Amino acid sequence: MVLTSFCQAIKLDSKNHEAIKNAVQILYDLGRLEEALEIITEHVKQQPNDAIAKHMLASFGGMDVPERADDLYVKQVFDAF
């Protein structure tokens, strides 16, 4: 399972941003919201400038939802392409 691979990657490197965000998205998609929120909340604490993770936390958790996406979020998303 893909989720297992991402979780293994996180165990090997707890700061693997892409593995964390992918695992969180999969957990959310599977309806495992509590697990997803736990992981993304911890990640945001460790990486407060990760705009994508902050956006995911607001989106999934429904707290501190801005009126529009943060400029840094938009930049990080488009820079990834």
PDB file of N, CA and C in Angstrom:
ATOM      1  N   MET A   1       0.843  -1.182   0.000  1.00  0.00           N
ATOM      2  CA  MET A   1       0.000   0.000   0.000  1.00  0.00           C
ATOM      3  C   MET A   1       0.888   1.246   0.000  1.00  0.00           C
ATOM      4  N   VAL A   2       0.448   2.245  -0.709  1.00  0.00           N
ATOM      5  CA  VAL A   2       1.210   3.489  -0.825  1.00  0.00           C
ATOM      6  C   VAL A   2       1.358   4.167   0.531  1.00  0.00           C
ATOM      7  N   LEU A   3       0.313   4.150   1.322  1.00  0.00           N
ATOM      8  CA  LEU A   3       0.365   4.777   2.641  1.00  0.00           C
ATOM      9  C   LEU A   3       1.486   4.176   3.483  1.00  0.00           C
ATOM     10  N   THR A   4       1.632   2.883   3.426  1.00  0.00           N
ATOM     11  CA  THR A   4       2.691   2.194   4.174  1.00  0.00           C
ATOM     12  C   THR A   4       4.064   2.698   3.751  1.00  0.00           C
ATOM     13  N   SER A   5       4.244   2.907   2.468  1.00  0.00           N
ATOM     14  CA  SER A   5       5.528   3.409   1.958  1.00  0.00           C
ATOM     15  C   SER A   5       5.815   4.811   2.483  1.00  0.00           C
ATOM     16  N   PHE A   6       4.801   5.675   2.476  1.00  0.00           N
ATOM     17  CA  PHE A   6       5.000   7.030   2.995  1.00  0.00           C
ATOM     18  C   PHE A   6       5.289   7.006   4.487  1.00  0.00           C
ATOM     19  N   CYS A   7       4.597   6.149   5.217  1.00  0.00           N
ATOM     20  CA  CYS A   7       4.840   6.039   6.660  1.00  0.00           C
ATOM     21  C   CYS A   7       6.252   5.537   6.942  1.00  0.00           C
ATOM     22  N   GLN A   8       6.731   4.612   6.132  1.00  0.00           N
ATOM     23  CA  GLN A   8       8.102   4.124   6.283  1.00  0.00           C
ATOM     24  C   GLN A   8       9.102   5.243   5.991  1.00  0.00           C
ATOM     25  N   ALA A   9       8.829   6.024   4.958  1.00  0.00           N
ATOM     26  CA  ALA A   9       9.706   7.148   4.624  1.00  0.00           C
ATOM     27  C   ALA A   9       9.759   8.147   5.773  1.00  0.00           C
ATOM     28  N   ILE A  10       8.624   8.385   6.418  1.00  0.00           N
ATOM     29  CA  ILE A  10       8.575   9.309   7.554  1.00  0.00           C
ATOM     30  C   ILE A  10       9.369   8.748   8.730  1.00  0.00           C
ATOM     31  N   LYS A  11       9.286   7.437   8.957  1.00  0.00           N
ATOM     32  CA  LYS A  11      10.060   6.822  10.040  1.00  0.00           C
ATOM     33  C   LYS A  11      11.558   6.972   9.791  1.00  0.00           C
ATOM     34  N   LEU A  12      11.955   6.875   8.528  1.00  0.00           N
ATOM     35  CA  LEU A  12      13.371   7.006   8.182  1.00  0.00           C
ATOM     36  C   LEU A  12      13.851   8.451   8.234  1.00  0.00           C
ATOM     37  N   ASP A  13      12.942   9.380   7.918  1.00  0.00           N
ATOM     38  CA  ASP A  13      13.279  10.811   7.917  1.00  0.00           C
ATOM     39  C   ASP A  13      12.052  11.582   8.357  1.00  0.00           C
ATOM     40  N   SER A  14      11.986  11.905   9.630  1.00  0.00           N
ATOM     41  CA  SER A  14      10.800  12.546  10.202  1.00  0.00           C
ATOM     42  C   SER A  14      10.554  13.952   9.654  1.00  0.00           C
ATOM     43  N   LYS A  15      11.485  14.479   8.876  1.00  0.00           N
ATOM     44  CA  LYS A  15      11.317  15.817   8.290  1.00  0.00           C
ATOM     45  C   LYS A  15      11.065  15.745   6.780  1.00  0.00           C
ATOM     46  N   ASN A  16      10.688  14.577   6.301  1.00  0.00           N
ATOM     47  CA  ASN A  16      10.410  14.396   4.877  1.00  0.00           C
ATOM     48  C   ASN A  16       9.047  15.028   4.568  1.00  0.00           C
ATOM     49  N   HIS A  17       9.085  16.301   4.188  1.00  0.00           N
ATOM     50  CA  HIS A  17       7.865  17.088   3.994  1.00  0.00           C
ATOM     51  C   HIS A  17       6.901  16.448   2.995  1.00  0.00           C
ATOM     52  N   GLU A  18       7.418  15.972   1.893  1.00  0.00           N
ATOM     53  CA  GLU A  18       6.558  15.409   0.857  1.00  0.00           C
ATOM     54  C   GLU A  18       5.883  14.120   1.331  1.00  0.00           C
ATOM     55  N   ALA A  19       6.617  13.274   2.018  1.00  0.00           N
ATOM     56  CA  ALA A  19       6.031  12.038   2.540  1.00  0.00           C
ATOM     57  C   ALA A  19       4.949  12.354   3.565  1.00  0.00           C
ATOM     58  N   ILE A  20       5.210  13.336   4.405  1.00  0.00           N
ATOM     59  CA  ILE A  20       4.230  13.718   5.429  1.00  0.00           C
ATOM     60  C   ILE A  20       2.949  14.210   4.768  1.00  0.00           C
ATOM     61  N   LYS A  21       3.083  15.135   3.831  1.00  0.00           N
ATOM     62  CA  LYS A  21       1.898  15.700   3.196  1.00  0.00           C
ATOM     63  C   LYS A  21       1.139  14.646   2.383  1.00  0.00           C
ATOM     64  N   ASN A  22       1.855  13.755   1.729  1.00  0.00           N
ATOM     65  CA  ASN A  22       1.187  12.695   0.972  1.00  0.00           C
ATOM     66  C   ASN A  22       0.477  11.713   1.901  1.00  0.00           C
ATOM     67  N   ALA A  23       1.119  11.346   2.991  1.00  0.00           N
ATOM     68  CA  ALA A  23       0.493  10.434   3.950  1.00  0.00           C
ATOM     69  C   ALA A  23      -0.760  11.063   4.547  1.00  0.00           C
ATOM     70  N   VAL A  24      -0.665  12.328   4.892  1.00  0.00           N
ATOM     71  CA  VAL A  24      -1.811  13.036   5.465  1.00  0.00           C
ATOM     72  C   VAL A  24      -2.969  13.082   4.461  1.00  0.00           C
ATOM     73  N   GLN A  25      -2.669  13.360   3.214  1.00  0.00           N
ATOM     74  CA  GLN A  25      -3.718  13.410   2.191  1.00  0.00           C
ATOM     75  C   GLN A  25      -4.387  12.044   2.032  1.00  0.00           C
ATOM     76  N   ILE A  26      -3.597  10.985   2.034  1.00  0.00           N
ATOM     77  CA  ILE A  26      -4.157   9.640   1.904  1.00  0.00           C
ATOM     78  C   ILE A  26      -5.020   9.303   3.115  1.00  0.00           C
ATOM     79  N   LEU A  27      -4.531   9.614   4.310  1.00  0.00           N
ATOM     80  CA  LEU A  27      -5.322   9.350   5.520  1.00  0.00           C
ATOM     81  C   LEU A  27      -6.651  10.097   5.458  1.00  0.00           C
ATOM     82  N   TYR A  28      -6.601  11.340   5.036  1.00  0.00           N
ATOM     83  CA  TYR A  28      -7.824  12.137   4.909  1.00  0.00           C
ATOM     84  C   TYR A  28      -8.776  11.491   3.909  1.00  0.00           C
ATOM     85  N   ASP A  29      -8.239  11.101   2.760  1.00  0.00           N
ATOM     86  CA  ASP A  29      -9.058  10.475   1.718  1.00  0.00           C
ATOM     87  C   ASP A  29      -9.690   9.158   2.193  1.00  0.00           C
ATOM     88  N   LEU A  30      -9.002   8.464   3.092  1.00  0.00           N
ATOM     89  CA  LEU A  30      -9.507   7.208   3.642  1.00  0.00           C
ATOM     90  C   LEU A  30     -10.498   7.424   4.793  1.00  0.00           C
ATOM     91  N   GLY A  31     -10.723   8.693   5.140  1.00  0.00           N
ATOM     92  CA  GLY A  31     -11.635   8.993   6.234  1.00  0.00           C
ATOM     93  C   GLY A  31     -11.000   8.890   7.600  1.00  0.00           C
ATOM     94  N   ARG A  32      -9.688   8.833   7.644  1.00  0.00           N
ATOM     95  CA  ARG A  32      -8.955   8.721   8.907  1.00  0.00           C
ATOM     96  C   ARG A  32      -8.481  10.113   9.333  1.00  0.00           C
ATOM     97  N   LEU A  33      -9.477  10.989   9.525  1.00  0.00           N
ATOM     98  CA  LEU A  33      -9.237  12.403   9.769  1.00  0.00           C
ATOM     99  C   LEU A  33      -8.423  12.662  11.028  1.00  0.00           C
ATOM    100  N   GLU A  34      -8.741  11.951  12.095  1.00  0.00           N
ATOM    101  CA  GLU A  34      -8.030  12.175  13.354  1.00  0.00           C
ATOM    102  C   GLU A  34      -6.527  11.922  13.196  1.00  0.00           C
ATOM    103  N   GLU A  35      -6.171  10.841  12.518  1.00  0.00           N
ATOM    104  CA  GLU A  35      -4.759  10.529  12.281  1.00  0.00           C
ATOM    105  C   GLU A  35      -4.109  11.596  11.395  1.00  0.00           C
ATOM    106  N   ALA A  36      -4.830  11.984  10.358  1.00  0.00           N
ATOM    107  CA  ALA A  36      -4.306  13.004   9.440  1.00  0.00           C
ATOM    108  C   ALA A  36      -4.043  14.304  10.188  1.00  0.00           C
ATOM    109  N   LEU A  37      -4.999  14.723  11.003  1.00  0.00           N
ATOM    110  CA  LEU A  37      -4.847  15.979  11.755  1.00  0.00           C
ATOM    111  C   LEU A  37      -3.709  15.909  12.765  1.00  0.00           C
ATOM    112  N   GLU A  38      -3.547  14.765  13.386  1.00  0.00           N
ATOM    113  CA  GLU A  38      -2.460  14.602  14.363  1.00  0.00           C
ATOM    114  C   GLU A  38      -1.101  14.800  13.689  1.00  0.00           C
ATOM    115  N   ILE A  39      -0.923  14.175  12.548  1.00  0.00           N
ATOM    116  CA  ILE A  39       0.359  14.255  11.840  1.00  0.00           C
ATOM    117  C   ILE A  39       0.596  15.656  11.297  1.00  0.00           C
ATOM    118  N   ILE A  40      -0.406  16.247  10.655  1.00  0.00           N
ATOM    119  CA  ILE A  40      -0.198  17.560  10.042  1.00  0.00           C
ATOM    120  C   ILE A  40      -0.054  18.642  11.109  1.00  0.00           C
ATOM    121  N   THR A  41      -0.739  18.496  12.229  1.00  0.00           N
ATOM    122  CA  THR A  41      -0.593  19.464  13.323  1.00  0.00           C
ATOM    123  C   THR A  41       0.838  19.460  13.849  1.00  0.00           C
ATOM    124  N   GLU A  42       1.382  18.287  14.050  1.00  0.00           N
ATOM    125  CA  GLU A  42       2.770  18.180  14.522  1.00  0.00           C
ATOM    126  C   GLU A  42       3.738  18.747  13.492  1.00  0.00           C
ATOM    127  N   HIS A  43       3.486  18.462  12.241  1.00  0.00           N
ATOM    128  CA  HIS A  43       4.362  18.972  11.176  1.00  0.00           C
ATOM    129  C   HIS A  43       4.350  20.507  11.152  1.00  0.00           C
ATOM    130  N   VAL A  44       3.176  21.101  11.282  1.00  0.00           N
ATOM    131  CA  VAL A  44       3.075  22.564  11.272  1.00  0.00           C
ATOM    132  C   VAL A  44       3.801  23.162  12.478  1.00  0.00           C
ATOM    133  N   LYS A  45       3.754  22.487  13.621  1.00  0.00           N
ATOM    134  CA  LYS A  45       4.498  22.959  14.792  1.00  0.00           C
ATOM    135  C   LYS A  45       6.001  22.972  14.508  1.00  0.00           C
ATOM    136  N   GLN A  46       6.475  21.933  13.814  1.00  0.00           N
ATOM    137  CA  GLN A  46       7.893  21.810  13.506  1.00  0.00           C
ATOM    138  C   GLN A  46       8.316  22.706  12.335  1.00  0.00           C
ATOM    139  N   GLN A  47       7.405  22.936  11.408  1.00  0.00           N
ATOM    140  CA  GLN A  47       7.703  23.712  10.188  1.00  0.00           C
ATOM    141  C   GLN A  47       6.637  24.796   9.994  1.00  0.00           C
ATOM    142  N   PRO A  48       6.644  25.837  10.826  1.00  0.00           N
ATOM    143  CA  PRO A  48       5.582  26.849  10.763  1.00  0.00           C
ATOM    144  C   PRO A  48       5.554  27.653   9.460  1.00  0.00           C
ATOM    145  N   ASN A  49       6.601  27.604   8.673  1.00  0.00           N
ATOM    146  CA  ASN A  49       6.621  28.334   7.397  1.00  0.00           C
ATOM    147  C   ASN A  49       6.175  27.480   6.218  1.00  0.00           C
ATOM    148  N   ASP A  50       5.740  26.253   6.481  1.00  0.00           N
ATOM    149  CA  ASP A  50       5.270  25.380   5.416  1.00  0.00           C
ATOM    150  C   ASP A  50       3.817  25.744   5.121  1.00  0.00           C
ATOM    151  N   ALA A  51       3.634  26.620   4.151  1.00  0.00           N
ATOM    152  CA  ALA A  51       2.309  27.151   3.843  1.00  0.00           C
ATOM    153  C   ALA A  51       1.353  26.071   3.348  1.00  0.00           C
ATOM    154  N   ILE A  52       1.868  25.088   2.638  1.00  0.00           N
ATOM    155  CA  ILE A  52       1.006  24.013   2.142  1.00  0.00           C
ATOM    156  C   ILE A  52       0.468  23.198   3.321  1.00  0.00           C
ATOM    157  N   ALA A  53       1.325  22.873   4.260  1.00  0.00           N
ATOM    158  CA  ALA A  53       0.898  22.121   5.441  1.00  0.00           C
ATOM    159  C   ALA A  53      -0.101  22.936   6.265  1.00  0.00           C
ATOM    160  N   LYS A  54       0.133  24.223   6.410  1.00  0.00           N
ATOM    161  CA  LYS A  54      -0.803  25.080   7.141  1.00  0.00           C
ATOM    162  C   LYS A  54      -2.158  25.118   6.436  1.00  0.00           C
ATOM    163  N   HIS A  55      -2.126  25.158   5.122  1.00  0.00           N
ATOM    164  CA  HIS A  55      -3.362  25.159   4.342  1.00  0.00           C
ATOM    165  C   HIS A  55      -4.105  23.835   4.544  1.00  0.00           C
ATOM    166  N   MET A  56      -3.368  22.729   4.518  1.00  0.00           N
ATOM    167  CA  MET A  56      -3.984  21.419   4.739  1.00  0.00           C
ATOM    168  C   MET A  56      -4.618  21.350   6.129  1.00  0.00           C
ATOM    169  N   LEU A  57      -3.916  21.855   7.127  1.00  0.00           N
ATOM    170  CA  LEU A  57      -4.427  21.825   8.496  1.00  0.00           C
ATOM    171  C   LEU A  57      -5.722  22.622   8.595  1.00  0.00           C
ATOM    172  N   ALA A  58      -5.734  23.812   8.019  1.00  0.00           N
ATOM    173  CA  ALA A  58      -6.947  24.638   8.054  1.00  0.00           C
ATOM    174  C   ALA A  58      -8.081  23.959   7.295  1.00  0.00           C
ATOM    175  N   SER A  59      -7.751  23.390   6.152  1.00  0.00           N
ATOM    176  CA  SER A  59      -8.759  22.746   5.316  1.00  0.00           C
ATOM    177  C   SER A  59      -9.341  21.505   5.987  1.00  0.00           C
ATOM    178  N   PHE A  60      -8.487  20.648   6.481  1.00  0.00           N
ATOM    179  CA  PHE A  60      -8.941  19.394   7.080  1.00  0.00           C
ATOM    180  C   PHE A  60      -9.554  19.603   8.460  1.00  0.00           C
ATOM    181  N   GLY A  61      -8.978  20.543   9.224  1.00  0.00           N
ATOM    182  CA  GLY A  61      -9.422  20.751  10.598  1.00  0.00           C
ATOM    183  C   GLY A  61     -10.542  21.756  10.744  1.00  0.00           C
ATOM    184  N   GLY A  62     -10.711  22.608   9.731  1.00  0.00           N
ATOM    185  CA  GLY A  62     -11.770  23.604   9.777  1.00  0.00           C
ATOM    186  C   GLY A  62     -11.523  24.729  10.762  1.00  0.00           C
ATOM    187  N   MET A  63     -10.283  24.872  11.218  1.00  0.00           N
ATOM    188  CA  MET A  63      -9.956  25.941  12.162  1.00  0.00           C
ATOM    189  C   MET A  63      -9.011  26.925  11.494  1.00  0.00           C
ATOM    190  N   ASP A  64      -9.124  28.179  11.871  1.00  0.00           N
ATOM    191  CA  ASP A  64      -8.254  29.235  11.337  1.00  0.00           C
ATOM    192  C   ASP A  64      -8.260  29.236   9.807  1.00  0.00           C
ATOM    193  N   VAL A  65      -9.425  29.048   9.227  1.00  0.00           N
ATOM    194  CA  VAL A  65      -9.549  29.025   7.771  1.00  0.00           C
ATOM    195  C   VAL A  65      -9.540  30.465   7.268  1.00  0.00           C
ATOM    196  N   PRO A  66      -8.554  30.809   6.438  1.00  0.00           N
ATOM    197  CA  PRO A  66      -8.509  32.177   5.916  1.00  0.00           C
ATOM    198  C   PRO A  66      -9.575  32.388   4.836  1.00  0.00           C
ATOM    199  N   GLU A  67      -9.861  33.645   4.555  1.00  0.00           N
ATOM    200  CA  GLU A  67     -10.831  33.956   3.497  1.00  0.00           C
ATOM    201  C   GLU A  67     -10.316  33.522   2.132  1.00  0.00           C
ATOM    202  N   ARG A  68      -9.009  33.547   1.964  1.00  0.00           N
ATOM    203  CA  ARG A  68      -8.402  33.130   0.712  1.00  0.00           C
ATOM    204  C   ARG A  68      -7.071  32.471   1.010  1.00  0.00           C
ATOM    205  N   ALA A  69      -6.562  31.747   0.043  1.00  0.00           N
ATOM    206  CA  ALA A  69      -5.284  31.063   0.222  1.00  0.00           C
ATOM    207  C   ALA A  69      -4.172  32.087   0.441  1.00  0.00           C
ATOM    208  N   ASP A  70      -3.297  31.787   1.344  1.00  0.00           N
ATOM    209  CA  ASP A  70      -2.143  32.618   1.649  1.00  0.00           C
ATOM    210  C   ASP A  70      -1.251  32.737   0.416  1.00  0.00           C
ATOM    211  N   ASP A  71      -0.637  33.897   0.225  1.00  0.00           N
ATOM    212  CA  ASP A  71       0.248  34.107  -0.925  1.00  0.00           C
ATOM    213  C   ASP A  71       1.389  33.093  -0.960  1.00  0.00           C
ATOM    214  N   LEU A  72       1.941  32.791   0.209  1.00  0.00           N
ATOM    215  CA  LEU A  72       3.039  31.831   0.267  1.00  0.00           C
ATOM    216  C   LEU A  72       2.563  30.439  -0.152  1.00  0.00           C
ATOM    217  N   TYR A  73       1.343  30.087   0.206  1.00  0.00           N
ATOM    218  CA  TYR A  73       0.775  28.802  -0.227  1.00  0.00           C
ATOM    219  C   TYR A  73       0.712  28.741  -1.749  1.00  0.00           C
ATOM    220  N   VAL A  74       0.169  29.789  -2.360  1.00  0.00           N
ATOM    221  CA  VAL A  74       0.051  29.836  -3.819  1.00  0.00           C
ATOM    222  C   VAL A  74       1.434  29.735  -4.460  1.00  0.00           C
ATOM    223  N   LYS A  75       2.404  30.462  -3.913  1.00  0.00           N
ATOM    224  CA  LYS A  75       3.768  30.420  -4.450  1.00  0.00           C
ATOM    225  C   LYS A  75       4.355  29.014  -4.339  1.00  0.00           C
ATOM    226  N   GLN A  76       4.221  28.384  -3.172  1.00  0.00           N
ATOM    227  CA  GLN A  76       4.788  27.053  -2.979  1.00  0.00           C
ATOM    228  C   GLN A  76       4.125  26.026  -3.876  1.00  0.00           C
ATOM    229  N   VAL A  77       2.828  26.121  -4.064  1.00  0.00           N
ATOM    230  CA  VAL A  77       2.127  25.173  -4.924  1.00  0.00           C
ATOM    231  C   VAL A  77       2.598  25.323  -6.364  1.00  0.00           C
ATOM    232  N   PHE A  78       2.658  26.559  -6.849  1.00  0.00           N
ATOM    233  CA  PHE A  78       3.048  26.754  -8.238  1.00  0.00           C
ATOM    234  C   PHE A  78       4.542  26.534  -8.458  1.00  0.00           C
ATOM    235  N   ASP A  79       5.357  26.816  -7.463  1.00  0.00           N
ATOM    236  CA  ASP A  79       6.788  26.536  -7.587  1.00  0.00           C
ATOM    237  C   ASP A  79       7.050  25.033  -7.696  1.00  0.00           C
ATOM    238  N   ALA A  80       6.163  24.237  -7.088  1.00  0.00           N
ATOM    239  CA  ALA A  80       6.327  22.773  -7.145  1.00  0.00           C
ATOM    240  C   ALA A  80       6.108  22.230  -8.539  1.00  0.00           C
ATOM    241  N   PHE A  81       5.424  22.987  -9.380  1.00  0.00           N
ATOM    242  CA  PHE A  81       5.197  22.540 -10.752  1.00  0.00           C
ATOM    243  C   PHE A  81       6.376  22.912 -11.611  1.00  0.00           C
TER     244      PHE A  81
END
